[in-house]
Each structure stands twice: as structure tokens, then as C-alpha cells.
Amino acid sequence: MRIGIYPGSFDPLTYGHLDIIKRSKNICDKLIIAIAKNSEKHSLFSVKERIEMIEYCCKDESDFIEIVSFNGLVVDYCRERNVSFIIRGLRSVSDFEYENPIAAVNRKLAPELDTIFMISREETSIISSRLVKEVASYHGDTSALVPQFVSDRIQQKFSN
């Protein structure tokens, strides 16, 4: 069984993330969506809330995906779970410049583990979680950037 892992913060889940999840079905038998617990990042949503949003938005993929959270190095988690490769989405050259050294270090730490970069589709290449949060902070409409369920949850956060 080819197991892929798609690690990230998913704070919040965007249409770009969903596109990568859906397209991952072409390259793996099972996809672990792994929410990294990063104490250095100030998250809008708790890990539990992010898991709930992913579960809701990916309910049609429930036989293909598993949603988890983890601490530590992704390569250590991959070894524990017998993961074949890491999947990362790239929207731009700057994403590649950020992701490439991480992939190189991961390869040094776990030579048996490959990283697969998936280029974002044109219609999702402008979407980032940071941008979604910025639009929402000014009470802008995020429904073109994230699923309606997520947009509603973002509006609730910013209305409090």
C-alpha cells in the first residue's frame, strides 16, 4: 500500500488544500493529512477545530484519508506510520524556495522517504491560509477561497 502524508497547519483549510488532497488519489492508496502542532505559530483555529473542518469538507474522501495531528519531525512520524512519501503543494517559486531545503533535510534524515511537489492549479495558486485570515480580519468575503463551512467558521472567529 502506498501511503502518502500531506503535512501542514491547515489554518484554515483552503480550496488549494482540497485540490491537493483530491489529486493525491492519483498517486497513493491512502493519504494521511497531518496537522503539525507548531507552538511558534499563532493559530486562528485549534487543532481540534481544524480536524473537524477537514473531516466535514472531506467527508466524501473518508475511505481514502486519515486526519491526525503530530508533534516533532514529520520524518519520524512517517517512519512510525510506514509512509512512502510526503506531498507538498507549490503555488509559486517562493514556495519552492521554502520547501526545497526542507525536502533536502528530510532526505538526509530519512533517505527512504521522498517528497512529491504538486503544482497548484491556476485557480488556487493565489490562495494561502495567511491571505484568507487577512481578508477575514477586515470582514471580507472568503467564500471564493475556502469552502462555505470554513468561511462560516472564520466569520464566527472574527465576529467575536
N, C-alpha and C. Protein backbone atom coordinates (compact mmCIF):
# COMPACT_ATOMS: atom_id res chain seq x y z
N MET A 1 0.85 -1.19 0.00
CA MET A 1 0.00 0.00 0.00
C MET A 1 0.89 1.24 0.00
N ARG A 2 0.61 2.15 -0.91
CA ARG A 2 1.35 3.41 -0.98
C ARG A 2 0.64 4.43 -0.10
N ILE A 3 1.31 4.81 0.99
CA ILE A 3 0.75 5.77 1.92
C ILE A 3 1.48 7.10 1.74
N GLY A 4 0.71 8.15 1.49
CA GLY A 4 1.25 9.49 1.40
C GLY A 4 0.86 10.28 2.62
N ILE A 5 1.63 11.31 2.90
CA ILE A 5 1.30 12.21 4.01
C ILE A 5 1.32 13.63 3.48
N TYR A 6 0.33 14.39 3.87
CA TYR A 6 0.22 15.80 3.48
C TYR A 6 0.26 16.60 4.78
N PRO A 7 1.46 17.01 5.20
CA PRO A 7 1.56 17.76 6.45
C PRO A 7 1.36 19.26 6.24
N GLY A 8 0.85 19.91 7.26
CA GLY A 8 0.68 21.36 7.20
C GLY A 8 -0.08 21.85 8.40
N SER A 9 -0.32 23.15 8.42
CA SER A 9 -1.08 23.73 9.53
C SER A 9 -2.58 23.75 9.22
N PHE A 10 -2.94 23.90 7.96
CA PHE A 10 -4.35 23.91 7.53
C PHE A 10 -5.17 24.87 8.39
N ASP A 11 -4.65 26.07 8.57
CA ASP A 11 -5.26 27.06 9.45
C ASP A 11 -5.59 28.34 8.68
N PRO A 12 -6.69 28.34 7.94
CA PRO A 12 -7.70 27.31 7.77
C PRO A 12 -7.47 26.49 6.50
N LEU A 13 -8.28 25.46 6.34
CA LEU A 13 -8.32 24.64 5.14
C LEU A 13 -8.82 25.52 3.99
N THR A 14 -8.12 25.44 2.84
CA THR A 14 -8.50 26.26 1.67
C THR A 14 -8.85 25.35 0.49
N TYR A 15 -9.37 25.99 -0.56
CA TYR A 15 -9.62 25.25 -1.79
C TYR A 15 -8.31 24.69 -2.38
N GLY A 16 -7.20 25.37 -2.15
CA GLY A 16 -5.91 24.86 -2.61
C GLY A 16 -5.56 23.55 -1.92
N HIS A 17 -5.76 23.50 -0.60
CA HIS A 17 -5.52 22.25 0.14
C HIS A 17 -6.41 21.13 -0.39
N LEU A 18 -7.68 21.45 -0.58
CA LEU A 18 -8.62 20.43 -1.05
C LEU A 18 -8.25 19.90 -2.43
N ASP A 19 -7.73 20.76 -3.28
CA ASP A 19 -7.30 20.33 -4.60
C ASP A 19 -6.14 19.34 -4.49
N ILE A 20 -5.18 19.62 -3.64
CA ILE A 20 -4.04 18.72 -3.45
C ILE A 20 -4.52 17.38 -2.87
N ILE A 21 -5.44 17.43 -1.92
CA ILE A 21 -5.99 16.20 -1.33
C ILE A 21 -6.65 15.36 -2.40
N LYS A 22 -7.50 15.97 -3.21
CA LYS A 22 -8.22 15.24 -4.25
C LYS A 22 -7.25 14.65 -5.28
N ARG A 23 -6.28 15.42 -5.71
CA ARG A 23 -5.33 14.95 -6.72
C ARG A 23 -4.39 13.88 -6.18
N SER A 24 -4.24 13.81 -4.87
CA SER A 24 -3.37 12.79 -4.25
C SER A 24 -3.91 11.39 -4.47
N LYS A 25 -5.20 11.27 -4.73
CA LYS A 25 -5.78 9.95 -5.01
C LYS A 25 -5.12 9.28 -6.22
N ASN A 26 -4.55 10.09 -7.10
CA ASN A 26 -3.89 9.55 -8.29
C ASN A 26 -2.53 8.91 -7.99
N ILE A 27 -1.97 9.21 -6.83
CA ILE A 27 -0.60 8.73 -6.56
C ILE A 27 -0.47 7.89 -5.30
N CYS A 28 -1.49 7.83 -4.47
CA CYS A 28 -1.37 6.99 -3.27
C CYS A 28 -2.69 6.29 -2.97
N ASP A 29 -2.56 5.21 -2.20
CA ASP A 29 -3.74 4.43 -1.82
C ASP A 29 -4.41 4.99 -0.58
N LYS A 30 -3.62 5.66 0.25
CA LYS A 30 -4.13 6.27 1.47
C LYS A 30 -3.36 7.55 1.69
N LEU A 31 -4.05 8.58 2.17
CA LEU A 31 -3.42 9.87 2.45
C LEU A 31 -3.66 10.23 3.91
N ILE A 32 -2.56 10.48 4.60
CA ILE A 32 -2.64 10.99 5.98
C ILE A 32 -2.52 12.50 5.90
N ILE A 33 -3.54 13.19 6.35
CA ILE A 33 -3.49 14.65 6.45
C ILE A 33 -3.03 14.93 7.87
N ALA A 34 -1.82 15.45 7.98
CA ALA A 34 -1.16 15.58 9.28
C ALA A 34 -1.05 17.04 9.67
N ILE A 35 -1.76 17.41 10.72
CA ILE A 35 -1.74 18.78 11.21
C ILE A 35 -0.59 18.91 12.20
N ALA A 36 0.36 19.73 11.84
CA ALA A 36 1.54 19.94 12.68
C ALA A 36 1.16 20.85 13.84
N LYS A 37 1.52 20.40 15.03
CA LYS A 37 1.33 21.25 16.21
C LYS A 37 2.57 22.11 16.34
N ASN A 38 2.44 23.38 15.97
CA ASN A 38 3.58 24.29 15.96
C ASN A 38 3.34 25.38 17.00
N SER A 39 4.06 25.30 18.09
CA SER A 39 3.86 26.25 19.19
C SER A 39 4.34 27.65 18.83
N GLU A 40 5.15 27.79 17.78
CA GLU A 40 5.65 29.10 17.39
C GLU A 40 4.66 29.87 16.53
N LYS A 41 3.69 29.19 15.97
CA LYS A 41 2.68 29.86 15.15
C LYS A 41 1.46 30.17 16.00
N HIS A 42 0.92 31.35 15.80
CA HIS A 42 -0.35 31.69 16.46
C HIS A 42 -1.46 31.28 15.51
N SER A 43 -2.18 30.24 15.87
CA SER A 43 -3.22 29.69 15.00
C SER A 43 -4.56 30.35 15.29
N LEU A 44 -5.34 30.51 14.24
CA LEU A 44 -6.70 31.02 14.37
C LEU A 44 -7.59 29.93 14.97
N PHE A 45 -7.39 28.69 14.51
CA PHE A 45 -8.22 27.57 14.95
C PHE A 45 -7.39 26.58 15.76
N SER A 46 -8.03 25.95 16.72
CA SER A 46 -7.37 24.90 17.48
C SER A 46 -7.17 23.69 16.56
N VAL A 47 -6.31 22.78 16.97
CA VAL A 47 -6.10 21.56 16.19
C VAL A 47 -7.42 20.80 16.06
N LYS A 48 -8.17 20.73 17.14
CA LYS A 48 -9.47 20.03 17.11
C LYS A 48 -10.41 20.66 16.08
N GLU A 49 -10.46 21.99 16.04
CA GLU A 49 -11.32 22.68 15.08
C GLU A 49 -10.86 22.42 13.64
N ARG A 50 -9.55 22.40 13.42
CA ARG A 50 -9.03 22.14 12.08
C ARG A 50 -9.37 20.72 11.63
N ILE A 51 -9.25 19.77 12.54
CA ILE A 51 -9.62 18.39 12.22
C ILE A 51 -11.09 18.32 11.85
N GLU A 52 -11.95 18.99 12.62
CA GLU A 52 -13.39 18.98 12.34
C GLU A 52 -13.69 19.58 10.96
N MET A 53 -13.00 20.67 10.61
CA MET A 53 -13.24 21.30 9.30
C MET A 53 -12.80 20.38 8.16
N ILE A 54 -11.64 19.73 8.33
CA ILE A 54 -11.16 18.83 7.29
C ILE A 54 -12.11 17.63 7.16
N GLU A 55 -12.52 17.07 8.30
CA GLU A 55 -13.47 15.94 8.27
C GLU A 55 -14.75 16.31 7.52
N TYR A 56 -15.27 17.49 7.84
CA TYR A 56 -16.52 17.93 7.20
C TYR A 56 -16.33 18.13 5.70
N CYS A 57 -15.26 18.82 5.32
CA CYS A 57 -15.05 19.16 3.91
C CYS A 57 -14.55 17.98 3.09
N CYS A 58 -14.06 16.94 3.74
CA CYS A 58 -13.53 15.76 3.03
C CYS A 58 -14.34 14.51 3.32
N LYS A 59 -15.59 14.69 3.73
CA LYS A 59 -16.40 13.51 4.11
C LYS A 59 -16.56 12.52 2.95
N ASP A 60 -16.51 12.99 1.72
CA ASP A 60 -16.60 12.09 0.56
C ASP A 60 -15.31 11.30 0.34
N GLU A 61 -14.24 11.71 0.99
CA GLU A 61 -12.93 11.06 0.85
C GLU A 61 -12.59 10.24 2.09
N SER A 62 -13.55 10.00 2.98
CA SER A 62 -13.25 9.39 4.28
C SER A 62 -12.63 8.00 4.18
N ASP A 63 -12.88 7.27 3.09
CA ASP A 63 -12.26 5.96 2.92
C ASP A 63 -10.81 6.06 2.46
N PHE A 64 -10.39 7.23 1.99
CA PHE A 64 -9.06 7.46 1.44
C PHE A 64 -8.14 8.19 2.42
N ILE A 65 -8.72 9.05 3.25
CA ILE A 65 -7.89 9.89 4.12
C ILE A 65 -7.98 9.49 5.59
N GLU A 66 -6.95 9.90 6.31
CA GLU A 66 -6.93 9.82 7.77
C GLU A 66 -6.40 11.18 8.23
N ILE A 67 -7.05 11.77 9.19
CA ILE A 67 -6.65 13.09 9.68
C ILE A 67 -6.07 12.92 11.07
N VAL A 68 -4.85 13.41 11.24
CA VAL A 68 -4.15 13.27 12.52
C VAL A 68 -3.46 14.59 12.86
N SER A 69 -3.01 14.68 14.09
CA SER A 69 -2.10 15.77 14.48
C SER A 69 -0.84 15.11 15.01
N PHE A 70 0.26 15.84 14.93
CA PHE A 70 1.52 15.27 15.39
C PHE A 70 2.44 16.37 15.90
N ASN A 71 3.37 15.97 16.76
CA ASN A 71 4.45 16.81 17.23
C ASN A 71 5.76 16.26 16.69
N GLY A 72 6.74 17.10 16.56
CA GLY A 72 8.05 16.61 16.19
C GLY A 72 8.30 16.64 14.70
N LEU A 73 9.31 15.86 14.31
CA LEU A 73 9.71 15.82 12.90
C LEU A 73 8.76 14.95 12.09
N VAL A 74 8.39 15.44 10.93
CA VAL A 74 7.49 14.69 10.06
C VAL A 74 8.13 13.36 9.64
N VAL A 75 9.46 13.34 9.46
CA VAL A 75 10.10 12.09 9.04
C VAL A 75 9.98 11.01 10.11
N ASP A 76 10.04 11.41 11.38
CA ASP A 76 9.86 10.43 12.46
C ASP A 76 8.44 9.87 12.45
N TYR A 77 7.47 10.75 12.25
CA TYR A 77 6.08 10.31 12.17
C TYR A 77 5.90 9.38 10.97
N CYS A 78 6.53 9.72 9.85
CA CYS A 78 6.42 8.88 8.64
C CYS A 78 6.96 7.48 8.88
N ARG A 79 8.07 7.38 9.58
CA ARG A 79 8.64 6.06 9.89
C ARG A 79 7.68 5.24 10.76
N GLU A 80 7.08 5.90 11.75
CA GLU A 80 6.13 5.21 12.64
C GLU A 80 4.94 4.65 11.86
N ARG A 81 4.53 5.36 10.82
CA ARG A 81 3.30 5.01 10.08
C ARG A 81 3.57 4.33 8.74
N ASN A 82 4.84 4.03 8.43
CA ASN A 82 5.19 3.37 7.19
C ASN A 82 4.76 4.17 5.96
N VAL A 83 4.97 5.48 6.03
CA VAL A 83 4.61 6.39 4.94
C VAL A 83 5.64 6.28 3.81
N SER A 84 5.17 6.29 2.58
CA SER A 84 6.04 6.18 1.41
C SER A 84 6.60 7.52 0.95
N PHE A 85 5.79 8.58 1.05
CA PHE A 85 6.23 9.87 0.57
C PHE A 85 5.43 11.01 1.19
N ILE A 86 6.07 12.18 1.17
CA ILE A 86 5.47 13.42 1.66
C ILE A 86 4.95 14.19 0.45
N ILE A 87 3.76 14.72 0.56
CA ILE A 87 3.18 15.53 -0.52
C ILE A 87 3.14 16.98 -0.06
N ARG A 88 3.63 17.86 -0.91
CA ARG A 88 3.61 19.30 -0.63
C ARG A 88 3.07 20.02 -1.85
N GLY A 89 2.23 21.00 -1.63
CA GLY A 89 1.70 21.81 -2.71
C GLY A 89 2.57 23.04 -2.92
N LEU A 90 2.77 23.39 -4.16
CA LEU A 90 3.55 24.58 -4.52
C LEU A 90 2.68 25.53 -5.31
N ARG A 91 2.57 26.76 -4.82
CA ARG A 91 1.81 27.78 -5.53
C ARG A 91 2.71 28.65 -6.39
N SER A 92 3.95 28.81 -5.97
CA SER A 92 4.84 29.77 -6.63
C SER A 92 6.30 29.36 -6.45
N VAL A 93 7.16 30.11 -7.10
CA VAL A 93 8.60 29.88 -6.96
C VAL A 93 9.02 30.07 -5.51
N SER A 94 8.44 31.03 -4.83
CA SER A 94 8.82 31.26 -3.43
C SER A 94 8.44 30.07 -2.55
N ASP A 95 7.35 29.38 -2.86
CA ASP A 95 7.01 28.16 -2.14
C ASP A 95 8.10 27.10 -2.36
N PHE A 96 8.56 26.99 -3.61
CA PHE A 96 9.62 26.02 -3.91
C PHE A 96 10.89 26.37 -3.14
N GLU A 97 11.23 27.65 -3.11
CA GLU A 97 12.44 28.07 -2.39
C GLU A 97 12.34 27.78 -0.90
N TYR A 98 11.15 27.81 -0.36
CA TYR A 98 10.92 27.47 1.05
C TYR A 98 10.94 25.95 1.25
N GLU A 99 10.24 25.23 0.38
CA GLU A 99 10.05 23.78 0.54
C GLU A 99 11.27 22.95 0.16
N ASN A 100 12.03 23.38 -0.82
CA ASN A 100 13.15 22.57 -1.32
C ASN A 100 14.19 22.26 -0.23
N PRO A 101 14.64 23.23 0.57
CA PRO A 101 15.61 22.89 1.62
C PRO A 101 15.02 21.95 2.68
N ILE A 102 13.74 22.10 2.96
CA ILE A 102 13.09 21.19 3.92
C ILE A 102 13.10 19.77 3.36
N ALA A 103 12.77 19.64 2.08
CA ALA A 103 12.79 18.32 1.44
C ALA A 103 14.20 17.73 1.45
N ALA A 104 15.20 18.57 1.24
CA ALA A 104 16.60 18.10 1.24
C ALA A 104 17.01 17.61 2.63
N VAL A 105 16.64 18.34 3.66
CA VAL A 105 16.94 17.90 5.03
C VAL A 105 16.19 16.61 5.35
N ASN A 106 14.93 16.55 4.97
CA ASN A 106 14.16 15.32 5.19
C ASN A 106 14.82 14.13 4.51
N ARG A 107 15.36 14.35 3.31
CA ARG A 107 16.03 13.27 2.57
C ARG A 107 17.31 12.83 3.30
N LYS A 108 18.00 13.78 3.92
CA LYS A 108 19.20 13.45 4.72
C LYS A 108 18.80 12.63 5.95
N LEU A 109 17.71 13.03 6.59
CA LEU A 109 17.26 12.35 7.81
C LEU A 109 16.61 11.01 7.53
N ALA A 110 15.95 10.92 6.38
CA ALA A 110 15.21 9.69 6.03
C ALA A 110 15.35 9.46 4.52
N PRO A 111 16.48 8.89 4.08
CA PRO A 111 16.72 8.72 2.64
C PRO A 111 15.67 7.86 1.93
N GLU A 112 14.97 7.04 2.68
CA GLU A 112 13.95 6.18 2.09
C GLU A 112 12.64 6.93 1.79
N LEU A 113 12.54 8.15 2.24
CA LEU A 113 11.31 8.93 2.13
C LEU A 113 11.47 10.01 1.06
N ASP A 114 10.58 10.01 0.09
CA ASP A 114 10.61 11.02 -0.97
C ASP A 114 9.60 12.12 -0.69
N THR A 115 9.87 13.29 -1.25
CA THR A 115 8.90 14.39 -1.23
C THR A 115 8.42 14.61 -2.65
N ILE A 116 7.11 14.68 -2.80
CA ILE A 116 6.50 14.94 -4.10
C ILE A 116 5.87 16.34 -4.06
N PHE A 117 6.30 17.18 -4.97
CA PHE A 117 5.73 18.52 -5.07
C PHE A 117 4.61 18.50 -6.11
N MET A 118 3.45 18.99 -5.71
CA MET A 118 2.32 19.11 -6.63
C MET A 118 2.09 20.60 -6.89
N ILE A 119 2.13 20.96 -8.15
CA ILE A 119 1.92 22.36 -8.54
C ILE A 119 0.44 22.68 -8.43
N SER A 120 0.14 23.80 -7.80
CA SER A 120 -1.25 24.23 -7.65
C SER A 120 -1.87 24.52 -9.01
N ARG A 121 -3.15 24.29 -9.08
CA ARG A 121 -3.88 24.69 -10.27
C ARG A 121 -3.94 26.22 -10.30
N GLU A 122 -4.06 26.76 -11.48
CA GLU A 122 -4.05 28.21 -11.64
C GLU A 122 -5.10 28.89 -10.76
N GLU A 123 -6.28 28.29 -10.68
CA GLU A 123 -7.37 28.92 -9.93
C GLU A 123 -7.15 28.90 -8.41
N THR A 124 -6.25 28.05 -7.93
CA THR A 124 -5.99 28.02 -6.48
C THR A 124 -4.61 28.54 -6.12
N SER A 125 -3.81 28.93 -7.10
CA SER A 125 -2.43 29.32 -6.84
C SER A 125 -2.30 30.62 -6.04
N ILE A 126 -3.33 31.41 -6.00
CA ILE A 126 -3.27 32.67 -5.25
C ILE A 126 -3.72 32.51 -3.79
N ILE A 127 -4.25 31.36 -3.45
CA ILE A 127 -4.87 31.18 -2.13
C ILE A 127 -3.85 30.68 -1.12
N SER A 128 -3.74 31.40 -0.02
CA SER A 128 -2.95 30.94 1.11
C SER A 128 -3.79 31.13 2.38
N SER A 129 -3.51 30.32 3.36
CA SER A 129 -4.24 30.45 4.63
C SER A 129 -4.01 31.83 5.24
N ARG A 130 -2.78 32.33 5.12
CA ARG A 130 -2.46 33.67 5.66
C ARG A 130 -3.32 34.74 4.98
N LEU A 131 -3.46 34.65 3.67
CA LEU A 131 -4.26 35.62 2.93
C LEU A 131 -5.74 35.52 3.31
N VAL A 132 -6.23 34.30 3.48
CA VAL A 132 -7.63 34.10 3.90
C VAL A 132 -7.87 34.78 5.23
N LYS A 133 -6.95 34.59 6.18
CA LYS A 133 -7.12 35.21 7.50
C LYS A 133 -7.06 36.72 7.43
N GLU A 134 -6.20 37.24 6.53
CA GLU A 134 -6.12 38.69 6.39
C GLU A 134 -7.41 39.27 5.82
N VAL A 135 -7.95 38.63 4.79
CA VAL A 135 -9.22 39.08 4.21
C VAL A 135 -10.31 39.05 5.28
N ALA A 136 -10.35 37.96 6.03
CA ALA A 136 -11.37 37.80 7.07
C ALA A 136 -11.21 38.83 8.18
N SER A 137 -9.98 39.20 8.49
CA SER A 137 -9.76 40.17 9.57
C SER A 137 -10.37 41.53 9.25
N TYR A 138 -10.56 41.81 7.95
CA TYR A 138 -11.20 43.05 7.52
C TYR A 138 -12.66 42.80 7.13
N HIS A 139 -13.18 41.66 7.57
CA HIS A 139 -14.57 41.25 7.32
C HIS A 139 -14.89 41.12 5.83
N GLY A 140 -13.86 40.72 5.06
CA GLY A 140 -14.06 40.47 3.63
C GLY A 140 -14.67 39.09 3.40
N ASP A 141 -15.19 38.89 2.22
CA ASP A 141 -15.83 37.63 1.85
C ASP A 141 -14.76 36.61 1.48
N THR A 142 -14.70 35.51 2.21
CA THR A 142 -13.70 34.47 1.96
C THR A 142 -14.29 33.27 1.21
N SER A 143 -15.53 33.33 0.82
CA SER A 143 -16.20 32.16 0.25
C SER A 143 -15.61 31.70 -1.09
N ALA A 144 -14.88 32.54 -1.79
CA ALA A 144 -14.23 32.11 -3.03
C ALA A 144 -12.88 31.44 -2.76
N LEU A 145 -12.43 31.51 -1.51
CA LEU A 145 -11.11 30.99 -1.15
C LEU A 145 -11.15 29.70 -0.35
N VAL A 146 -12.26 29.52 0.37
CA VAL A 146 -12.44 28.37 1.26
C VAL A 146 -13.86 27.85 1.11
N PRO A 147 -14.10 26.58 1.47
CA PRO A 147 -15.49 26.07 1.43
C PRO A 147 -16.39 26.88 2.37
N GLN A 148 -17.67 26.91 2.07
CA GLN A 148 -18.62 27.71 2.85
C GLN A 148 -18.58 27.35 4.33
N PHE A 149 -18.46 26.08 4.66
CA PHE A 149 -18.39 25.64 6.05
C PHE A 149 -17.22 26.32 6.77
N VAL A 150 -16.08 26.38 6.09
CA VAL A 150 -14.89 27.01 6.66
C VAL A 150 -15.09 28.52 6.73
N SER A 151 -15.66 29.10 5.68
CA SER A 151 -15.91 30.54 5.67
C SER A 151 -16.81 30.95 6.84
N ASP A 152 -17.83 30.15 7.10
CA ASP A 152 -18.73 30.45 8.23
C ASP A 152 -17.97 30.40 9.56
N ARG A 153 -17.09 29.42 9.71
CA ARG A 153 -16.31 29.28 10.94
C ARG A 153 -15.34 30.46 11.10
N ILE A 154 -14.76 30.91 10.00
CA ILE A 154 -13.87 32.07 10.05
C ILE A 154 -14.64 33.31 10.46
N GLN A 155 -15.81 33.50 9.87
CA GLN A 155 -16.62 34.67 10.23
C GLN A 155 -16.97 34.67 11.70
N GLN A 156 -17.27 33.48 12.25
CA GLN A 156 -17.57 33.38 13.68
C GLN A 156 -16.36 33.82 14.51
N LYS A 157 -15.17 33.40 14.10
CA LYS A 157 -13.95 33.77 14.84
C LYS A 157 -13.75 35.28 14.85
N PHE A 158 -13.96 35.91 13.69
CA PHE A 158 -13.69 37.33 13.59
C PHE A 158 -14.84 38.20 14.08
N SER A 159 -15.99 37.63 14.32
CA SER A 159 -17.10 38.41 14.85
C SER A 159 -17.06 38.46 16.39
N ASN A 160 -16.27 37.56 16.98
CA ASN A 160 -16.14 37.55 18.45
C ASN A 160 -15.14 38.57 18.94
